[in-house]
Protein backbone atom coordinates (compact mmCIF):
# COMPACT_ATOMS: atom_id res chain seq x y z
CA MET A 1 49.71 43.79 63.69
CA SER A 2 49.39 47.44 62.51
CA ILE A 3 46.09 49.35 62.52
CA ILE A 4 45.21 52.91 60.62
CA VAL A 5 42.14 54.54 60.69
CA VAL A 6 40.98 55.37 57.37
CA ASP A 7 37.85 57.78 57.12
CA ASN A 8 36.65 56.29 60.33
CA GLN A 9 37.11 52.78 59.33
CA ILE A 10 39.98 50.58 60.66
CA VAL A 11 42.24 48.94 58.04
CA HIS A 12 44.79 46.21 59.23
CA TYR A 13 47.89 46.18 57.54
CA GLU A 14 51.40 44.69 57.48
CA VAL A 15 54.75 46.27 56.09
CA PHE A 16 57.89 44.19 55.66
CA GLY A 17 61.45 44.99 54.08
CA ARG A 18 63.88 48.14 55.10
CA ARG A 19 64.36 49.79 52.03
CA GLY A 20 63.13 49.84 48.22
CA PRO A 21 60.44 50.67 45.72
CA PRO A 22 57.12 50.37 47.72
CA VAL A 23 55.13 47.20 46.58
CA LEU A 24 51.60 46.74 47.96
CA PHE A 25 49.89 43.19 47.70
CA LEU A 26 45.79 42.84 47.54
CA HIS A 27 44.06 39.72 48.63
CA GLY A 28 40.93 37.93 47.02
CA TRP A 29 37.89 37.21 48.26
CA LEU A 30 37.20 35.46 51.38
CA GLY A 31 41.05 35.93 51.73
CA SER A 32 43.56 38.06 53.91
CA TRP A 33 46.82 39.70 53.61
CA ARG A 34 48.06 36.60 54.81
CA TYR A 35 47.94 34.07 52.19
CA TRP A 36 50.78 36.61 50.15
CA PHE A 37 53.25 36.21 53.19
CA PRO A 38 55.44 33.83 51.90
CA THR A 39 55.65 35.93 48.26
CA ILE A 40 56.09 38.94 50.52
CA GLU A 41 59.12 37.53 52.57
CA ALA A 42 60.80 36.73 49.31
CA VAL A 43 60.06 40.36 47.70
CA ALA A 44 60.91 42.27 50.58
CA THR A 45 64.46 41.45 50.36
CA SER A 46 64.66 44.17 47.39
CA PHE A 47 61.51 46.10 48.08
CA ARG A 48 59.49 47.74 50.93
CA THR A 49 56.25 45.64 51.11
CA TYR A 50 52.79 46.51 52.17
CA SER A 51 49.64 44.43 52.36
CA PHE A 52 46.15 45.25 54.05
CA ASP A 53 43.04 43.37 54.90
CA PHE A 54 40.27 45.13 52.51
CA TRP A 55 37.24 46.50 54.34
CA GLY A 56 35.02 43.85 55.87
CA PHE A 57 37.75 40.93 55.44
CA GLY A 58 40.34 39.72 57.76
CA ASP A 59 40.81 42.24 60.81
CA SER A 60 39.73 45.57 58.76
CA ARG A 61 36.47 46.26 60.10
CA ASN A 62 33.90 48.23 58.29
CA PRO A 63 30.53 49.58 60.03
CA SER A 64 29.01 50.78 56.55
CA ALA A 65 29.37 46.96 54.85
CA ALA A 66 26.90 46.95 52.59
CA ALA A 67 27.60 50.65 51.16
CA GLN A 68 31.51 50.24 51.03
CA GLN A 69 32.40 46.65 50.21
CA ASN A 70 32.24 46.99 46.44
CA ILE A 71 35.24 47.05 43.69
CA GLU A 72 35.11 50.94 43.24
CA ASN A 73 35.34 51.67 47.07
CA TYR A 74 38.06 48.96 47.42
CA SER A 75 40.10 51.09 44.68
CA TYR A 76 39.28 54.02 47.10
CA GLN A 77 40.68 52.33 49.99
CA ILE A 78 44.00 51.93 48.22
CA ILE A 79 44.25 55.27 47.34
CA ARG A 80 43.37 56.45 50.65
CA PHE A 81 45.60 53.99 52.16
CA LEU A 82 48.59 55.41 50.12
CA ASP A 83 47.48 58.66 51.42
CA GLU A 84 47.52 57.94 54.98
CA MET A 85 51.10 56.11 54.68
CA GLY A 86 52.46 58.98 52.97
CA LEU A 87 53.25 56.86 49.40
CA TYR A 88 52.42 58.65 46.11
CA LYS A 89 53.49 55.82 43.75
CA VAL A 90 53.37 51.93 44.38
CA ALA A 91 53.33 48.54 42.24
CA LEU A 92 50.13 46.67 42.92
CA VAL A 93 49.97 43.01 42.98
CA GLY A 94 46.45 41.64 43.18
CA HIS A 95 45.04 38.12 43.49
CA SER A 96 41.61 37.40 42.40
CA MET A 97 39.22 40.12 43.43
CA GLY A 98 42.52 41.89 44.67
CA GLY A 99 43.43 41.47 41.34
CA MET A 100 40.17 43.14 39.86
CA VAL A 101 40.67 46.11 42.27
CA ALA A 102 44.31 46.39 41.34
CA LEU A 103 43.63 46.72 37.59
CA LYS A 104 40.84 49.13 38.08
CA THR A 105 42.97 51.45 40.39
CA ALA A 106 45.94 51.41 37.86
CA ILE A 107 43.25 52.60 34.99
CA SER A 108 41.55 55.14 36.87
CA HIS A 109 44.73 56.45 38.94
CA PRO A 110 47.73 55.84 36.68
CA GLN A 111 49.57 58.44 38.23
CA ARG A 112 49.78 56.67 41.70
CA VAL A 113 50.70 53.17 40.26
CA THR A 114 54.16 52.40 38.67
CA ARG A 115 52.91 48.85 37.45
CA VAL A 116 50.36 46.17 38.10
CA ILE A 117 50.23 42.52 38.67
CA THR A 118 47.20 40.78 38.38
CA VAL A 119 46.91 36.83 39.32
CA GLY A 120 43.90 34.74 38.66
CA ALA A 121 41.52 38.03 38.46
CA PRO A 122 37.95 38.60 36.99
CA PHE A 123 38.08 41.48 34.62
CA GLN A 124 34.37 40.81 34.10
CA GLY A 125 31.91 39.28 36.48
CA HIS A 126 30.91 36.13 33.95
CA ALA A 127 34.35 34.89 34.14
CA LEU A 128 33.71 33.78 38.11
CA SER A 129 32.87 29.86 38.10
CA TRP A 130 29.06 29.15 39.10
CA LEU A 131 30.33 27.85 42.61
CA LEU A 132 31.00 31.96 43.37
CA LYS A 133 28.16 33.24 41.75
CA LEU A 134 26.25 31.25 43.96
CA THR A 135 26.90 33.08 47.08
CA ASN A 136 25.35 36.28 45.48
CA LYS A 137 22.13 34.71 46.81
CA PRO A 138 21.38 35.82 50.37
CA GLY A 139 20.39 32.01 51.09
CA VAL A 140 23.53 30.87 50.18
CA ALA A 141 25.87 33.70 51.70
CA ASN A 142 23.94 32.99 54.91
CA LEU A 143 24.80 28.92 54.73
CA PHE A 144 28.47 29.75 54.31
CA ALA A 145 28.51 32.58 57.11
CA ARG A 146 26.97 30.17 59.54
CA TRP A 147 28.48 26.88 58.32
CA HIS A 148 32.25 27.23 59.20
CA TRP A 149 33.11 23.82 58.04
CA LEU A 150 31.61 24.44 54.51
CA ARG A 151 33.31 27.87 54.35
CA ARG A 152 36.80 25.79 55.05
CA THR A 153 35.88 23.20 52.53
CA LEU A 154 35.55 26.08 50.12
CA PHE A 155 38.92 27.83 50.89
CA HIS A 156 41.02 24.36 50.77
CA PHE A 157 39.36 23.65 47.25
CA PHE A 158 40.49 27.19 46.43
CA MET A 159 44.03 26.68 47.90
CA GLY A 160 44.63 23.65 45.89
CA GLU A 161 46.58 20.31 47.10
CA THR A 162 49.31 22.56 48.85
CA ARG A 163 50.35 20.98 52.22
CA ASP A 164 51.87 23.96 53.89
CA PRO A 165 50.65 24.04 57.82
CA SER A 166 50.29 27.97 57.57
CA VAL A 167 47.20 27.62 55.14
CA GLU A 168 45.24 26.71 58.41
CA GLU A 169 45.84 30.77 59.55
CA VAL A 170 44.76 31.45 56.01
CA VAL A 171 41.58 29.54 56.34
CA ALA A 172 41.10 30.91 59.81
CA ASP A 173 40.82 34.26 58.53
CA SER A 174 38.62 33.45 55.95
CA LEU A 175 35.99 32.87 58.90
CA LYS A 176 36.02 36.37 59.57
CA SER A 177 34.00 37.94 56.64
CA THR A 178 30.01 38.18 57.11
CA ALA A 179 27.37 37.00 54.91
CA VAL A 180 26.90 40.76 53.86
CA THR A 181 30.53 41.02 53.04
CA MET A 182 30.43 37.96 50.80
CA ARG A 183 27.38 38.59 49.06
CA CYS A 184 28.50 42.56 48.35
CA SER A 185 31.71 42.02 47.18
CA ILE A 186 30.49 38.83 44.78
CA ARG A 187 27.35 40.93 43.71
CA SER A 188 29.98 44.11 42.69
CA MET A 189 32.44 41.79 40.77
CA LEU A 190 29.63 40.11 38.99
CA GLN A 191 28.50 43.94 38.05
CA THR A 192 32.08 44.55 37.17
CA ASP A 193 33.14 44.73 33.50
CA LEU A 194 36.58 46.20 32.80
CA ARG A 195 36.51 45.30 29.13
CA PRO A 196 35.46 48.65 27.91
CA GLU A 197 38.39 50.40 30.15
CA LEU A 198 41.33 48.29 29.12
CA GLN A 199 42.32 50.27 26.48
CA GLN A 200 42.92 53.08 28.81
CA LEU A 201 45.68 50.76 30.50
CA SER A 202 48.85 53.28 30.12
CA ILE A 203 51.26 51.54 32.89
CA PRO A 204 53.04 48.32 32.53
CA ALA A 205 50.95 45.25 33.36
CA LEU A 206 51.61 41.51 34.04
CA ILE A 207 48.22 39.42 33.96
CA ILE A 208 48.86 35.87 35.12
CA HIS A 209 46.70 32.98 35.08
CA GLY A 210 47.25 29.51 35.98
CA GLY A 211 45.85 26.84 33.28
CA ARG A 212 43.82 24.80 35.31
CA ASP A 213 41.86 27.58 37.57
CA ASP A 214 38.54 26.38 38.04
CA ILE A 215 37.33 29.50 39.75
CA VAL A 216 38.22 32.30 37.19
CA ASP A 217 38.26 31.62 33.51
CA PRO A 218 41.65 31.84 32.50
CA ARG A 219 40.91 32.61 28.62
CA GLN A 220 40.88 36.13 29.98
CA LEU A 221 44.60 36.47 28.89
CA ARG A 222 43.11 37.04 25.21
CA LEU A 223 41.32 40.20 26.54
CA PHE A 224 44.80 41.44 26.74
CA GLU A 225 46.42 40.75 23.32
CA GLN A 226 46.03 43.95 21.71
CA ILE A 227 46.95 46.03 24.69
CA GLU A 228 50.48 47.58 24.23
CA SER A 229 51.35 48.01 27.94
CA ALA A 230 50.32 44.63 28.83
CA ARG A 231 51.98 41.12 29.10
CA THR A 232 50.37 38.01 29.81
CA LEU A 233 51.56 34.70 31.55
CA LEU A 234 49.84 31.25 31.47
CA MET A 235 51.00 28.80 33.97
CA PRO A 236 49.28 25.78 32.62
CA THR A 237 49.54 23.47 35.92
CA SER A 238 48.71 25.81 38.45
CA ARG A 239 45.33 26.40 39.44
CA HIS A 240 43.79 29.42 41.20
CA PHE A 241 46.77 30.10 43.49
CA PRO A 242 49.84 29.96 41.17
CA PHE A 243 51.99 31.64 43.99
CA VAL A 244 51.12 28.46 46.13
CA ASP A 245 51.29 25.92 43.53
CA GLN A 246 54.47 26.66 42.08
CA PRO A 247 56.11 29.35 44.53
CA ASP A 248 59.66 29.61 43.30
CA PHE A 249 58.77 30.05 39.92
CA PHE A 250 56.25 32.67 40.60
CA THR A 251 58.34 34.66 42.72
CA GLN A 252 61.07 34.60 40.14
CA ILE A 253 58.56 35.94 37.19
CA LEU A 254 57.30 38.59 39.86
CA LEU A 255 60.65 39.97 40.87
CA SER A 256 61.89 39.92 37.06
CA PHE A 257 58.57 42.11 36.14
CA LEU A 258 59.06 44.63 39.22
CA GLN A 259 62.94 45.13 38.45
CA GLN A 260 63.13 45.37 34.57
CA ASP A 261 62.73 47.66 32.03
CA VAL A 262 59.74 45.23 31.05
CA SER A 263 58.83 46.92 28.01
CA ALA A 264 61.68 46.27 26.40
CA THR A 265 62.21 42.49 27.73
CA MET A 266 59.26 40.91 28.19
CA PRO A 267 57.61 38.63 25.53
CA ARG A 268 54.20 39.25 24.72
CA LEU A 269 52.95 36.09 25.73
CA VAL A 270 54.73 33.13 27.79
CA VAL A 271 52.93 29.81 28.03
CA ARG A 272 55.47 27.64 29.80
CA GLU A 273 56.64 27.66 33.09
CA ASN A 274 60.37 27.07 31.78
CA SER A 275 60.33 30.22 29.53
CA LYS A 276 62.94 32.87 30.11
CA MET A 277 62.29 36.57 31.08
CA SER A 278 65.26 37.98 29.05
């Protein structure tokens, strides 16, 4: 486990791969860097991969939780992490909340991002399911914080039908966030609407959703139909974690996007898992 201090706050991060262009993986709500590990292992054969825990999640601590745990400051955390690691430009891969943060960063700091991939990300707060919206209420957030069995049940529901034993490590990390972290981050997502900013997206983007996602509405893919730099991918049989449901196919798509001249080779919309990238 590696630790750096960013603006007097601890950030836990991991690095894999010896050489290659840098790629930064960003986790979603209640998560940590850990659930990206199988994908990171595959990508690290060609890229230098990084991942960290957002402040308040996993092993990244934040003394001023209520003031810092929001989409804007998580985007700031990315830029400060890059500064501290001596990285000028990276590709961003973000899931769920991390995808929202990744796209926000790509729009606000295009000079620091080579390309962006979002997976099951909400681009407006209303795209979140009613279940997540409930945790914006203090009483519900406190219940999730105190009743670990309830949070375990919720996270297993998020992860779907996977039987991977490492999921228990992911679930254990999900128990580290406090009620304040849960509520502040959800409230920030609910208050965020990136739709007015999408036309400013100038770097290559791949927007992925599972067709059976019951956490974030996959119909958001339509928002990118007129965005010239964006490509969309619907994985019809996947739920909220496509990289867990269909890891081999997801990794193939991800590597293709990271390696290719995407503006010339990617179709505007892919709707079948067996579609070709070239």
